[in-house]
Amino acid sequence: MKRYDVNTGSEQASPRPKSLGPYSFLGPRPFREARVRAYLVRQHRLGRRLDEILDDRYIAGCGGRDFAWRVVCQPETIAQLEADVIQELQALLEERARIRRAP
């Protein structure tokens, strides 16, 4: 992207793309990642599939599917999802054991 310099009368390259916003120099916003992570884990606990969650309007408004996918790939998110899956499997195994013990 180019801008016009009034002093020299020539075009110069812009120092940063305008699409990043005026506060892009502050770097990534971890609170946004935390909100998306919390939403992903909460919806997963409710029984929704990951691909369904990634197509939600909420995810689109928080940065899109690519951003959410980067959050999913972070170790913290994987650990939370993994813990949920392990708890689910343990509950299913306990339920199955109860059914087998029932007369």
Protein backbone atom coordinates (compact mmCIF):
# COMPACT_ATOMS: atom_id res chain seq x y z
CA MET A 1 0.00 0.00 0.00
CA LYS A 2 1.37 3.43 -0.88
CA ARG A 3 0.75 6.84 0.57
CA TYR A 4 1.45 10.30 -0.74
CA ASP A 5 4.06 12.33 1.11
CA VAL A 6 3.08 16.01 1.07
CA ASN A 7 6.60 17.26 1.88
CA THR A 8 8.47 15.49 -0.91
CA GLY A 9 5.61 15.16 -3.41
CA SER A 10 6.24 11.45 -3.94
CA GLU A 11 4.58 8.18 -3.07
CA GLN A 12 6.06 6.06 -0.31
CA ALA A 13 5.29 2.62 1.03
CA SER A 14 3.03 2.67 4.05
CA PRO A 15 4.78 1.51 7.24
CA ARG A 16 2.05 -1.07 8.06
CA PRO A 17 -1.15 -2.30 6.45
CA LYS A 18 -4.24 -0.38 7.56
CA SER A 19 -6.24 -3.57 8.01
CA LEU A 20 -4.33 -4.36 11.20
CA GLY A 21 -5.76 -1.37 13.02
CA PRO A 22 -4.15 1.43 14.98
CA TYR A 23 -3.13 -0.77 17.93
CA SER A 24 -1.51 -3.59 15.98
CA PHE A 25 1.89 -2.58 17.30
CA LEU A 26 0.81 -3.93 20.71
CA GLY A 27 0.93 -7.47 19.35
CA PRO A 28 -1.56 -10.32 19.72
CA ARG A 29 -4.40 -10.06 22.19
CA PRO A 30 -4.33 -13.06 24.52
CA PHE A 31 -7.73 -12.20 26.05
CA ARG A 32 -9.33 -12.84 22.65
CA GLU A 33 -7.62 -16.21 22.45
CA ALA A 34 -8.80 -17.00 25.98
CA ARG A 35 -12.40 -16.12 25.10
CA VAL A 36 -12.31 -18.27 21.96
CA ARG A 37 -10.68 -21.12 23.91
CA ALA A 38 -13.36 -20.93 26.60
CA TYR A 39 -16.11 -20.94 23.96
CA LEU A 40 -14.58 -23.91 22.13
CA VAL A 41 -14.23 -25.96 25.32
CA ARG A 42 -17.70 -25.01 26.58
CA GLN A 43 -19.37 -25.96 23.29
CA HIS A 44 -17.35 -29.19 23.10
CA ARG A 45 -18.53 -30.10 26.61
CA LEU A 46 -22.08 -29.61 25.40
CA GLY A 47 -21.44 -32.37 22.85
CA ARG A 48 -20.86 -30.37 19.68
CA ARG A 49 -18.31 -31.45 17.11
CA LEU A 50 -15.27 -29.26 16.57
CA ASP A 51 -16.03 -28.56 12.90
CA GLU A 52 -19.52 -27.33 13.85
CA ILE A 53 -18.08 -25.03 16.50
CA LEU A 54 -15.52 -23.57 14.09
CA ASP A 55 -18.35 -22.61 11.70
CA ASP A 56 -20.27 -20.63 14.36
CA ARG A 57 -21.07 -16.95 13.95
CA TYR A 58 -19.38 -16.25 17.27
CA ILE A 59 -16.12 -17.69 15.96
CA ALA A 60 -16.46 -15.69 12.74
CA GLY A 61 -16.88 -12.50 14.78
CA CYS A 62 -13.88 -13.27 16.99
CA GLY A 63 -11.38 -13.61 14.19
CA GLY A 64 -12.60 -16.36 11.94
CA ARG A 65 -11.99 -20.04 11.46
CA ASP A 66 -8.22 -19.65 10.90
CA PHE A 67 -7.78 -17.74 14.15
CA ALA A 68 -9.89 -20.29 16.03
CA TRP A 69 -7.92 -23.14 14.48
CA ARG A 70 -4.68 -21.55 15.75
CA VAL A 71 -6.26 -21.41 19.21
CA VAL A 72 -7.29 -25.08 18.95
CA CYS A 73 -3.71 -26.06 18.09
CA GLN A 74 -2.30 -24.37 21.21
CA PRO A 75 -1.22 -26.76 23.98
CA GLU A 76 -3.59 -25.21 26.55
CA THR A 77 -6.63 -25.84 24.37
CA ILE A 78 -5.55 -29.36 23.48
CA ALA A 79 -5.04 -30.14 27.18
CA GLN A 80 -8.52 -28.88 28.07
CA LEU A 81 -10.21 -30.77 25.24
CA GLU A 82 -8.18 -33.87 26.05
CA ALA A 83 -9.23 -33.72 29.71
CA ASP A 84 -12.88 -33.44 28.65
CA VAL A 85 -12.60 -36.44 26.36
CA ILE A 86 -10.91 -38.49 29.09
CA GLN A 87 -13.66 -37.57 31.59
CA GLU A 88 -16.29 -38.51 29.03
CA LEU A 89 -14.67 -41.87 28.37
CA GLN A 90 -14.38 -42.60 32.10
CA ALA A 91 -18.05 -41.76 32.61
CA LEU A 92 -19.01 -44.05 29.72
CA LEU A 93 -16.88 -46.88 31.11
CA GLU A 94 -18.43 -46.48 34.56
CA GLU A 95 -21.92 -46.48 33.05
CA ARG A 96 -21.10 -49.58 31.06
CA ALA A 97 -19.74 -51.32 34.17
CA ARG A 98 -22.94 -50.47 36.09
CA ILE A 99 -25.08 -51.89 33.31
CA ARG A 100 -23.10 -55.13 33.32
CA ARG A 101 -23.41 -55.46 37.12
CA ALA A 102 -27.15 -54.85 37.10
CA PRO A 103 -29.17 -58.10 37.50
